[in-house]
Amino acid sequence: MLGLAQRPFLGIRTTWTKRLSLGRLKNLIITTFRILFPFHFAAWKVAFTPMSEMVNAPDEEAQAQLIKKWRESTLSQLANVEMIMRPPTYFLGALISAAIVGSFSWPTLYTISTIPYTMIRIAWYNSLIFAIAAIAVGMQQSVLLVRVGCVSNSDMLIRELLTFEKPSGQRVPRFRQVFIWQTAVGLLEWSIYFWLGGFVVFIWDSTLILRENQQKSDQVVS
């Protein structure tokens, strides 16, 4: 009988243990990310603060103004990711597209050895995939922000989407929403990183660095 009576308490203790474990895991992930990627963490922290301030504004008028500014700034950020016919966005999209797609047409690329050539192709194809994914995510998020601004209760919809209410009454941004709204820019960054990685391998093999058969003409002279 005593064992049966203790079962509810064991269930409660197990639930709290799971919550504490998830909380510790979340803190560990955040701490690790902050150490390994300080600039990215700073960008996410800056993205977190406006969400928190706009939903906890002292009055409705101030809240409406902050939500409007958040929508406009987010649309401007997404416009820098998408390849659309608007300056300077068109220039940015054309530049990245030319850097990725045009790299495959370099004549020297097909003269390097097999292993570096494979590494370069893998890096640049990944770069192209991440760039396309960034554009797709950015376009979808832009459409959402434009359409949600056409309804009468747009502020409430944005507030409910981005944040949740704590028992104390304060609204807190959802961690996954902070992540989601940085996804397009993050994908574009990784696209650039992959392209740069392939470019480093290309330069390394093209200049025959640390090879016995290196010639004077193969060296990079500043």
C-alpha atoms as a PDB file:
ATOM      1  CA  MET A   1       0.000   0.000   0.000  1.00  0.00           C
ATOM      2  CA  LEU A   2       2.838   2.344   0.818  1.00  0.00           C
ATOM      3  CA  GLY A   3       4.398   1.720  -2.580  1.00  0.00           C
ATOM      4  CA  LEU A   4       1.129   2.586  -4.332  1.00  0.00           C
ATOM      5  CA  ALA A   5       0.844   5.792  -2.336  1.00  0.00           C
ATOM      6  CA  GLN A   6       4.348   6.843  -3.315  1.00  0.00           C
ATOM      7  CA  ARG A   7       3.813   6.370  -7.060  1.00  0.00           C
ATOM      8  CA  PRO A   8       2.328   9.858  -7.701  1.00  0.00           C
ATOM      9  CA  PHE A   9       5.269  11.438  -5.901  1.00  0.00           C
ATOM     10  CA  LEU A  10       7.692   9.342  -7.932  1.00  0.00           C
ATOM     11  CA  GLY A  11       5.972  10.510 -11.105  1.00  0.00           C
ATOM     12  CA  ILE A  12       6.247  14.162 -10.059  1.00  0.00           C
ATOM     13  CA  ARG A  13       9.908  13.700  -9.150  1.00  0.00           C
ATOM     14  CA  THR A  14      10.609  12.048 -12.512  1.00  0.00           C
ATOM     15  CA  THR A  15       8.914  14.933 -14.350  1.00  0.00           C
ATOM     16  CA  TRP A  16      10.938  17.543 -12.512  1.00  0.00           C
ATOM     17  CA  THR A  17      14.117  15.543 -13.098  1.00  0.00           C
ATOM     18  CA  LYS A  18      13.421  15.536 -16.833  1.00  0.00           C
ATOM     19  CA  ARG A  19      12.739  19.271 -16.812  1.00  0.00           C
ATOM     20  CA  LEU A  20      15.972  19.968 -14.938  1.00  0.00           C
ATOM     21  CA  SER A  21      17.915  17.748 -17.333  1.00  0.00           C
ATOM     22  CA  LEU A  22      16.444  19.551 -20.351  1.00  0.00           C
ATOM     23  CA  GLY A  23      17.195  22.896 -18.728  1.00  0.00           C
ATOM     24  CA  ARG A  24      20.799  21.920 -18.065  1.00  0.00           C
ATOM     25  CA  LEU A  25      21.172  20.594 -21.601  1.00  0.00           C
ATOM     26  CA  LYS A  26      19.779  23.839 -23.007  1.00  0.00           C
ATOM     27  CA  ASN A  27      22.175  25.907 -20.874  1.00  0.00           C
ATOM     28  CA  LEU A  28      25.076  23.692 -21.946  1.00  0.00           C
ATOM     29  CA  ILE A  29      24.202  24.147 -25.633  1.00  0.00           C
ATOM     30  CA  ILE A  30      23.886  27.924 -25.227  1.00  0.00           C
ATOM     31  CA  THR A  31      27.195  28.168 -23.331  1.00  0.00           C
ATOM     32  CA  THR A  32      29.015  26.027 -25.903  1.00  0.00           C
ATOM     33  CA  PHE A  33      27.573  28.045 -28.775  1.00  0.00           C
ATOM     34  CA  ARG A  34      28.542  31.312 -27.072  1.00  0.00           C
ATOM     35  CA  ILE A  35      32.159  30.133 -26.696  1.00  0.00           C
ATOM     36  CA  LEU A  36      32.561  28.637 -30.181  1.00  0.00           C
ATOM     37  CA  PHE A  37      30.618  31.273 -32.134  1.00  0.00           C
ATOM     38  CA  PRO A  38      30.762  34.557 -30.165  1.00  0.00           C
ATOM     39  CA  PHE A  39      29.684  36.776 -33.084  1.00  0.00           C
ATOM     40  CA  HIS A  40      26.741  34.553 -33.983  1.00  0.00           C
ATOM     41  CA  PHE A  41      25.686  34.428 -30.335  1.00  0.00           C
ATOM     42  CA  ALA A  42      25.839  38.220 -30.156  1.00  0.00           C
ATOM     43  CA  ALA A  43      23.615  38.436 -33.245  1.00  0.00           C
ATOM     44  CA  TRP A  44      21.059  36.045 -31.706  1.00  0.00           C
ATOM     45  CA  LYS A  45      21.134  37.966 -28.435  1.00  0.00           C
ATOM     46  CA  VAL A  46      20.427  41.185 -30.327  1.00  0.00           C
ATOM     47  CA  ALA A  47      17.554  39.393 -32.085  1.00  0.00           C
ATOM     48  CA  PHE A  48      16.178  38.234 -28.712  1.00  0.00           C
ATOM     49  CA  THR A  49      16.121  41.686 -27.091  1.00  0.00           C
ATOM     50  CA  PRO A  50      13.771  43.473 -29.558  1.00  0.00           C
ATOM     51  CA  MET A  51      11.263  40.616 -29.307  1.00  0.00           C
ATOM     52  CA  SER A  52      11.267  40.874 -25.535  1.00  0.00           C
ATOM     53  CA  GLU A  53      10.949  44.653 -25.464  1.00  0.00           C
ATOM     54  CA  MET A  54       8.180  44.945 -28.033  1.00  0.00           C
ATOM     55  CA  VAL A  55       5.830  42.489 -26.281  1.00  0.00           C
ATOM     56  CA  ASN A  56       6.497  43.968 -22.826  1.00  0.00           C
ATOM     57  CA  ALA A  57       6.045  47.610 -23.793  1.00  0.00           C
ATOM     58  CA  PRO A  58       4.323  49.784 -21.154  1.00  0.00           C
ATOM     59  CA  ASP A  59       1.325  50.659 -23.350  1.00  0.00           C
ATOM     60  CA  GLU A  60      -0.378  49.473 -26.526  1.00  0.00           C
ATOM     61  CA  GLU A  61       0.765  52.417 -28.628  1.00  0.00           C
ATOM     62  CA  ALA A  62       4.433  51.830 -27.823  1.00  0.00           C
ATOM     63  CA  GLN A  63       3.973  48.108 -28.404  1.00  0.00           C
ATOM     64  CA  ALA A  64       2.410  48.714 -31.822  1.00  0.00           C
ATOM     65  CA  GLN A  65       5.302  50.983 -32.816  1.00  0.00           C
ATOM     66  CA  LEU A  66       7.925  48.451 -31.713  1.00  0.00           C
ATOM     67  CA  ILE A  67       6.178  45.582 -33.513  1.00  0.00           C
ATOM     68  CA  LYS A  68       6.007  47.691 -36.677  1.00  0.00           C
ATOM     69  CA  LYS A  69       9.717  48.471 -36.436  1.00  0.00           C
ATOM     70  CA  TRP A  70      10.492  44.779 -35.873  1.00  0.00           C
ATOM     71  CA  ARG A  71       8.524  43.805 -38.986  1.00  0.00           C
ATOM     72  CA  GLU A  72      10.243  46.448 -41.105  1.00  0.00           C
ATOM     73  CA  SER A  73      13.745  45.606 -39.877  1.00  0.00           C
ATOM     74  CA  THR A  74      13.158  41.866 -40.343  1.00  0.00           C
ATOM     75  CA  LEU A  75      11.860  42.406 -43.884  1.00  0.00           C
ATOM     76  CA  SER A  76      14.930  44.502 -44.635  1.00  0.00           C
ATOM     77  CA  GLN A  77      17.174  41.747 -43.260  1.00  0.00           C
ATOM     78  CA  LEU A  78      15.422  39.093 -45.333  1.00  0.00           C
ATOM     79  CA  ALA A  79      15.648  41.277 -48.434  1.00  0.00           C
ATOM     80  CA  ASN A  80      19.441  41.073 -48.176  1.00  0.00           C
ATOM     81  CA  VAL A  81      19.183  37.288 -48.478  1.00  0.00           C
ATOM     82  CA  GLU A  82      16.722  37.003 -51.352  1.00  0.00           C
ATOM     83  CA  MET A  83      17.733  37.532 -54.962  1.00  0.00           C
ATOM     84  CA  ILE A  84      15.107  40.050 -55.969  1.00  0.00           C
ATOM     85  CA  MET A  85      15.236  43.002 -58.321  1.00  0.00           C
ATOM     86  CA  ARG A  86      15.823  45.728 -55.784  1.00  0.00           C
ATOM     87  CA  PRO A  87      19.038  47.673 -55.234  1.00  0.00           C
ATOM     88  CA  PRO A  88      21.238  46.961 -53.342  1.00  0.00           C
ATOM     89  CA  THR A  89      19.700  43.522 -52.883  1.00  0.00           C
ATOM     90  CA  TYR A  90      19.976  42.684 -56.555  1.00  0.00           C
ATOM     91  CA  PHE A  91      23.711  43.427 -56.447  1.00  0.00           C
ATOM     92  CA  LEU A  92      24.204  41.217 -53.391  1.00  0.00           C
ATOM     93  CA  GLY A  93      22.243  38.326 -54.859  1.00  0.00           C
ATOM     94  CA  ALA A  94      24.021  38.623 -58.207  1.00  0.00           C
ATOM     95  CA  LEU A  95      27.418  38.771 -56.516  1.00  0.00           C
ATOM     96  CA  ILE A  96      26.865  35.607 -54.466  1.00  0.00           C
ATOM     97  CA  SER A  97      25.336  33.755 -57.417  1.00  0.00           C
ATOM     98  CA  ALA A  98      28.269  34.692 -59.657  1.00  0.00           C
ATOM     99  CA  ALA A  99      30.795  33.662 -57.009  1.00  0.00           C
ATOM    100  CA  ILE A 100      29.251  30.199 -56.536  1.00  0.00           C
ATOM    101  CA  VAL A 101      28.060  29.245 -60.026  1.00  0.00           C
ATOM    102  CA  GLY A 102      30.848  31.000 -61.907  1.00  0.00           C
ATOM    103  CA  SER A 103      33.500  29.202 -59.873  1.00  0.00           C
ATOM    104  CA  PHE A 104      32.718  25.934 -61.649  1.00  0.00           C
ATOM    105  CA  SER A 105      33.723  27.491 -64.995  1.00  0.00           C
ATOM    106  CA  TRP A 106      37.306  28.317 -63.977  1.00  0.00           C
ATOM    107  CA  PRO A 107      39.627  26.528 -66.454  1.00  0.00           C
ATOM    108  CA  THR A 108      42.277  25.911 -63.794  1.00  0.00           C
ATOM    109  CA  LEU A 109      39.784  23.957 -61.696  1.00  0.00           C
ATOM    110  CA  TYR A 110      39.978  20.966 -64.043  1.00  0.00           C
ATOM    111  CA  THR A 111      43.779  20.797 -63.974  1.00  0.00           C
ATOM    112  CA  ILE A 112      44.226  20.097 -60.261  1.00  0.00           C
ATOM    113  CA  SER A 113      44.581  16.633 -58.724  1.00  0.00           C
ATOM    114  CA  THR A 114      41.607  14.353 -58.042  1.00  0.00           C
ATOM    115  CA  ILE A 115      41.280  14.559 -54.257  1.00  0.00           C
ATOM    116  CA  PRO A 116      41.401  18.394 -53.993  1.00  0.00           C
ATOM    117  CA  TYR A 117      39.083  18.618 -57.004  1.00  0.00           C
ATOM    118  CA  THR A 118      36.537  16.381 -55.234  1.00  0.00           C
ATOM    119  CA  MET A 119      36.815  18.398 -52.022  1.00  0.00           C
ATOM    120  CA  ILE A 120      36.273  21.649 -53.903  1.00  0.00           C
ATOM    121  CA  ARG A 121      33.239  20.329 -55.749  1.00  0.00           C
ATOM    122  CA  ILE A 122      31.685  19.052 -52.507  1.00  0.00           C
ATOM    123  CA  ALA A 123      32.269  22.401 -50.770  1.00  0.00           C
ATOM    124  CA  TRP A 124      30.901  24.477 -53.643  1.00  0.00           C
ATOM    125  CA  TYR A 125      27.856  22.269 -54.208  1.00  0.00           C
ATOM    126  CA  ASN A 126      27.077  22.551 -50.490  1.00  0.00           C
ATOM    127  CA  SER A 127      27.524  26.296 -50.812  1.00  0.00           C
ATOM    128  CA  LEU A 128      25.004  26.385 -53.631  1.00  0.00           C
ATOM    129  CA  ILE A 129      22.519  24.243 -51.666  1.00  0.00           C
ATOM    130  CA  PHE A 130      22.774  26.476 -48.591  1.00  0.00           C
ATOM    131  CA  ALA A 131      22.343  29.607 -50.742  1.00  0.00           C
ATOM    132  CA  ILE A 132      19.193  28.229 -52.384  1.00  0.00           C
ATOM    133  CA  ALA A 133      17.823  27.143 -48.996  1.00  0.00           C
ATOM    134  CA  ALA A 134      18.514  30.621 -47.571  1.00  0.00           C
ATOM    135  CA  ILE A 135      16.632  32.250 -50.433  1.00  0.00           C
ATOM    136  CA  ALA A 136      13.680  29.860 -50.022  1.00  0.00           C
ATOM    137  CA  VAL A 137      13.442  30.437 -46.260  1.00  0.00           C
ATOM    138  CA  GLY A 138      13.832  34.193 -46.652  1.00  0.00           C
ATOM    139  CA  MET A 139      11.090  34.396 -49.275  1.00  0.00           C
ATOM    140  CA  GLN A 140       8.669  32.369 -47.151  1.00  0.00           C
ATOM    141  CA  GLN A 141       9.294  34.483 -44.072  1.00  0.00           C
ATOM    142  CA  SER A 142       8.938  37.692 -46.102  1.00  0.00           C
ATOM    143  CA  VAL A 143       5.577  36.529 -47.455  1.00  0.00           C
ATOM    144  CA  LEU A 144       4.430  35.740 -43.909  1.00  0.00           C
ATOM    145  CA  LEU A 145       5.365  39.183 -42.583  1.00  0.00           C
ATOM    146  CA  VAL A 146       3.745  40.976 -45.529  1.00  0.00           C
ATOM    147  CA  ARG A 147       0.483  39.026 -45.301  1.00  0.00           C
ATOM    148  CA  VAL A 148       0.197  39.181 -41.523  1.00  0.00           C
ATOM    149  CA  GLY A 149       0.397  42.972 -41.783  1.00  0.00           C
ATOM    150  CA  CYS A 150      -2.818  42.956 -43.824  1.00  0.00           C
ATOM    151  CA  VAL A 151      -5.052  41.713 -40.990  1.00  0.00           C
ATOM    152  CA  SER A 152      -6.579  43.814 -38.234  1.00  0.00           C
ATOM    153  CA  ASN A 153      -5.098  41.805 -35.338  1.00  0.00           C
ATOM    154  CA  SER A 154      -1.605  41.511 -36.821  1.00  0.00           C
ATOM    155  CA  ASP A 155       0.097  42.728 -33.642  1.00  0.00           C
ATOM    156  CA  MET A 156      -1.591  40.047 -31.543  1.00  0.00           C
ATOM    157  CA  LEU A 157      -0.718  37.326 -34.078  1.00  0.00           C
ATOM    158  CA  ILE A 158       2.940  38.334 -34.099  1.00  0.00           C
ATOM    159  CA  ARG A 159       2.983  38.554 -30.316  1.00  0.00           C
ATOM    160  CA  GLU A 160       1.491  35.072 -29.915  1.00  0.00           C
ATOM    161  CA  LEU A 161       3.774  33.610 -32.566  1.00  0.00           C
ATOM    162  CA  LEU A 162       7.039  34.948 -31.198  1.00  0.00           C
ATOM    163  CA  THR A 163       6.502  34.802 -27.432  1.00  0.00           C
ATOM    164  CA  PHE A 164       4.724  32.992 -24.618  1.00  0.00           C
ATOM    165  CA  GLU A 165       3.393  34.239 -21.302  1.00  0.00           C
ATOM    166  CA  LYS A 166       5.017  33.166 -18.039  1.00  0.00           C
ATOM    167  CA  PRO A 167       3.002  32.660 -14.835  1.00  0.00           C
ATOM    168  CA  SER A 168       4.265  36.059 -13.667  1.00  0.00           C
ATOM    169  CA  GLY A 169       2.513  37.712 -16.627  1.00  0.00           C
ATOM    170  CA  GLN A 170       5.691  38.665 -18.468  1.00  0.00           C
ATOM    171  CA  ARG A 171       6.031  37.514 -22.066  1.00  0.00           C
ATOM    172  CA  VAL A 172       9.257  35.796 -23.117  1.00  0.00           C
ATOM    173  CA  PRO A 173      10.483  35.145 -26.685  1.00  0.00           C
ATOM    174  CA  ARG A 174      10.352  31.520 -27.774  1.00  0.00           C
ATOM    175  CA  PHE A 175      13.874  30.172 -28.281  1.00  0.00           C
ATOM    176  CA  ARG A 176      12.906  28.354 -31.482  1.00  0.00           C
ATOM    177  CA  GLN A 177      11.420  31.545 -32.943  1.00  0.00           C
ATOM    178  CA  VAL A 178      14.651  33.450 -32.313  1.00  0.00           C
ATOM    179  CA  PHE A 179      16.452  30.625 -34.109  1.00  0.00           C
ATOM    180  CA  ILE A 180      13.961  30.429 -36.983  1.00  0.00           C
ATOM    181  CA  TRP A 181      14.101  34.140 -37.811  1.00  0.00           C
ATOM    182  CA  GLN A 182      17.912  33.976 -38.000  1.00  0.00           C
ATOM    183  CA  THR A 183      17.885  30.859 -40.189  1.00  0.00           C
ATOM    184  CA  ALA A 184      17.942  32.607 -43.574  1.00  0.00           C
ATOM    185  CA  VAL A 185      20.959  34.747 -42.691  1.00  0.00           C
ATOM    186  CA  GLY A 186      22.667  31.775 -41.040  1.00  0.00           C
ATOM    187  CA  LEU A 187      22.229  29.611 -44.148  1.00  0.00           C
ATOM    188  CA  LEU A 188      23.653  32.370 -46.320  1.00  0.00           C
ATOM    189  CA  GLU A 189      26.654  32.678 -44.003  1.00  0.00           C
ATOM    190  CA  TRP A 190      27.327  28.930 -44.189  1.00  0.00           C
ATOM    191  CA  SER A 191      27.036  29.163 -47.975  1.00  0.00           C
ATOM    192  CA  ILE A 192      29.819  31.740 -47.972  1.00  0.00           C
ATOM    193  CA  TYR A 193      31.908  29.665 -45.547  1.00  0.00           C
ATOM    194  CA  PHE A 194      31.650  26.564 -47.764  1.00  0.00           C
ATOM    195  CA  TRP A 195      32.631  28.567 -50.833  1.00  0.00           C
ATOM    196  CA  LEU A 196      35.621  30.050 -49.020  1.00  0.00           C
ATOM    197  CA  GLY A 197      36.642  26.575 -47.833  1.00  0.00           C
ATOM    198  CA  GLY A 198      36.637  25.265 -51.403  1.00  0.00           C
ATOM    199  CA  PHE A 199      38.486  28.369 -52.571  1.00  0.00           C
ATOM    200  CA  VAL A 200      41.254  27.810 -49.997  1.00  0.00           C
ATOM    201  CA  VAL A 201      41.704  24.234 -51.238  1.00  0.00           C
ATOM    202  CA  PHE A 202      41.735  25.531 -54.817  1.00  0.00           C
ATOM    203  CA  ILE A 203      44.474  28.075 -54.061  1.00  0.00           C
ATOM    204  CA  TRP A 204      46.440  25.516 -52.037  1.00  0.00           C
ATOM    205  CA  ASP A 205      46.508  22.978 -54.863  1.00  0.00           C
ATOM    206  CA  SER A 206      46.813  25.467 -57.712  1.00  0.00           C
ATOM    207  CA  THR A 207      49.964  27.018 -56.245  1.00  0.00           C
ATOM    208  CA  LEU A 208      51.474  23.579 -55.444  1.00  0.00           C
ATOM    209  CA  ILE A 209      52.275  24.695 -51.913  1.00  0.00           C
ATOM    210  CA  LEU A 210      54.765  22.424 -50.077  1.00  0.00           C
ATOM    211  CA  ARG A 211      55.238  20.200 -53.154  1.00  0.00           C
ATOM    212  CA  GLU A 212      58.632  19.086 -54.404  1.00  0.00           C
ATOM    213  CA  ASN A 213      57.802  19.975 -58.008  1.00  0.00           C
ATOM    214  CA  GLN A 214      56.807  23.524 -57.171  1.00  0.00           C
ATOM    215  CA  GLN A 215      58.068  26.034 -59.727  1.00  0.00           C
ATOM    216  CA  LYS A 216      58.667  29.749 -59.370  1.00  0.00           C
ATOM    217  CA  SER A 217      55.595  30.394 -61.534  1.00  0.00           C
ATOM    218  CA  ASP A 218      53.433  28.372 -59.120  1.00  0.00           C
ATOM    219  CA  GLN A 219      54.193  30.606 -56.140  1.00  0.00           C
ATOM    220  CA  VAL A 220      51.890  33.400 -55.023  1.00  0.00           C
ATOM    221  CA  VAL A 221      53.911  36.600 -55.034  1.00  0.00           C
ATOM    222  CA  SER A 222      52.489  39.629 -53.279  1.00  0.00           C
END
